[in-house]
Every structure is written in structure tokens, then in C-alpha cells.
Amino acid sequence: MKDSTKLRSRFKAEPVRDEESQLAEVRRLALAAGAPAATLKSFLAAPQYTKIVEEGGEHVELGGELIDLLGRLQFARSRRHQRNLGVAAV
């Protein structure tokens, strides 16, 4: 929702509903679907890279923590390679 708000502001487009009413609707739907109220805030928070990779990695033979480590090493390697080439990181 925050990305769509930023996009609308960039193009000066009026939102159909404000962000708070959108969040209220998502909360209502999540509770109606059985999401626990105690974890609703974390459920609606932005996803964390590490959590996504680790949870996905649990479904492969190497495991989530190793997959996360390999991804971070590859990212560091590519950033170092870009610096060595004099290419600006995106």
C-alpha cells in the first residue's frame, strides 16, 4: 500500500481511498479470515528478506539459513565486482 501511495503522489493521482481506510479494511478481512489479533501487526508489516529466504529455504535440501548465507555472499560478491568494474550499484 505504501508503494502505491508513493506512486500516486509521484503522478499526482488522487487515491480512491486513503491509506488508513485501506489498512482498516485489510485488518477487518484478516480477522474475518481467522488471523490471530495478537499477530496482526506483524502480519501486516513489510516482509523481511531474511525471513522470506529462510522460510523458503526450509523447503529445499540445504535449509533456510544456508540459503540466506549463500544469497548474501553472492550479493556481496556482485557489489564488489561492480565496484571493481567502476559500475554504479543499482
Protein backbone atom coordinates (compact mmCIF):
# COMPACT_ATOMS: atom_id res chain seq x y z
CA MET A 1 0.00 0.00 0.00
CA LYS A 2 2.83 2.39 0.76
CA ASP A 3 4.33 1.81 -2.69
CA SER A 4 1.01 2.56 -4.37
CA THR A 5 0.71 5.73 -2.25
CA LYS A 6 4.18 6.83 -3.36
CA LEU A 7 3.34 6.04 -6.98
CA ARG A 8 0.11 8.04 -6.84
CA SER A 9 1.88 11.03 -5.31
CA ARG A 10 4.59 10.88 -7.97
CA PHE A 11 1.97 11.09 -10.72
CA LYS A 12 -0.30 13.43 -8.75
CA ALA A 13 -3.14 10.92 -8.90
CA GLU A 14 -5.85 11.07 -6.28
CA PRO A 15 -6.20 7.89 -4.22
CA VAL A 16 -9.51 6.09 -4.28
CA ARG A 17 -9.22 5.58 -0.51
CA ASP A 18 -6.69 6.86 1.98
CA GLU A 19 -4.05 4.50 3.34
CA GLU A 20 -5.66 4.25 6.79
CA SER A 21 -9.01 3.12 5.39
CA GLN A 22 -7.20 0.56 3.22
CA LEU A 23 -5.35 -0.79 6.29
CA ALA A 24 -8.60 -0.90 8.28
CA GLU A 25 -10.20 -2.98 5.51
CA VAL A 26 -7.22 -5.36 5.37
CA ARG A 27 -7.32 -5.75 9.17
CA ARG A 28 -11.06 -6.46 9.06
CA LEU A 29 -10.61 -9.07 6.31
CA ALA A 30 -7.64 -10.71 8.06
CA LEU A 31 -9.56 -11.03 11.33
CA ALA A 32 -12.62 -12.36 9.49
CA ALA A 33 -10.37 -14.97 7.84
CA GLY A 34 -9.13 -16.12 11.23
CA ALA A 35 -5.81 -14.32 11.54
CA PRO A 36 -4.88 -14.05 15.24
CA ALA A 37 -5.38 -10.50 16.51
CA ALA A 38 -2.14 -10.69 18.53
CA THR A 39 -0.03 -11.22 15.42
CA LEU A 40 -1.97 -8.97 13.07
CA LYS A 41 0.55 -6.11 13.29
CA SER A 42 3.46 -8.34 12.25
CA PHE A 43 1.26 -9.95 9.60
CA LEU A 44 0.67 -6.53 8.02
CA ALA A 45 4.28 -5.37 8.35
CA ALA A 46 6.60 -5.22 5.37
CA PRO A 47 8.19 -8.60 4.67
CA GLN A 48 11.78 -9.10 5.78
CA TYR A 49 14.25 -10.51 3.26
CA THR A 50 15.86 -12.90 5.75
CA LYS A 51 12.53 -14.33 6.89
CA ILE A 52 11.35 -14.90 3.31
CA VAL A 53 14.59 -16.63 2.29
CA GLU A 54 14.81 -18.76 5.43
CA GLU A 55 11.18 -19.90 5.23
CA GLY A 56 11.52 -20.67 1.53
CA GLY A 57 14.87 -22.33 2.09
CA GLU A 58 13.33 -24.75 4.58
CA HIS A 59 11.67 -26.42 1.60
CA VAL A 60 14.97 -27.27 -0.10
CA GLU A 61 17.66 -29.69 0.96
CA LEU A 62 20.20 -27.05 2.02
CA GLY A 63 17.90 -25.34 4.56
CA GLY A 64 16.93 -21.72 5.06
CA GLU A 65 19.95 -20.43 6.96
CA LEU A 66 22.42 -21.77 4.40
CA ILE A 67 20.35 -20.41 1.50
CA ASP A 68 20.31 -16.98 3.20
CA LEU A 69 24.08 -17.08 3.70
CA LEU A 70 24.71 -18.07 0.08
CA GLY A 71 22.44 -15.28 -1.15
CA ARG A 72 24.23 -12.70 0.98
CA LEU A 73 27.64 -13.90 -0.20
CA GLN A 74 26.53 -13.69 -3.83
CA PHE A 75 25.15 -10.18 -3.27
CA ALA A 76 28.40 -9.05 -1.62
CA ARG A 77 30.39 -10.60 -4.47
CA SER A 78 28.32 -8.83 -7.12
CA ARG A 79 28.62 -5.46 -5.31
CA ARG A 80 32.40 -5.91 -5.07
CA HIS A 81 32.54 -6.88 -8.75
CA GLN A 82 30.55 -3.75 -9.68
CA ARG A 83 32.97 -1.57 -7.70
CA ASN A 84 35.97 -3.22 -9.36
CA LEU A 85 34.45 -2.51 -12.76
CA GLY A 86 33.60 1.06 -11.78
CA VAL A 87 29.89 0.39 -12.33
CA ALA A 88 27.45 2.24 -10.09
CA ALA A 89 25.37 -0.12 -7.97
CA VAL A 90 21.68 -0.05 -8.74
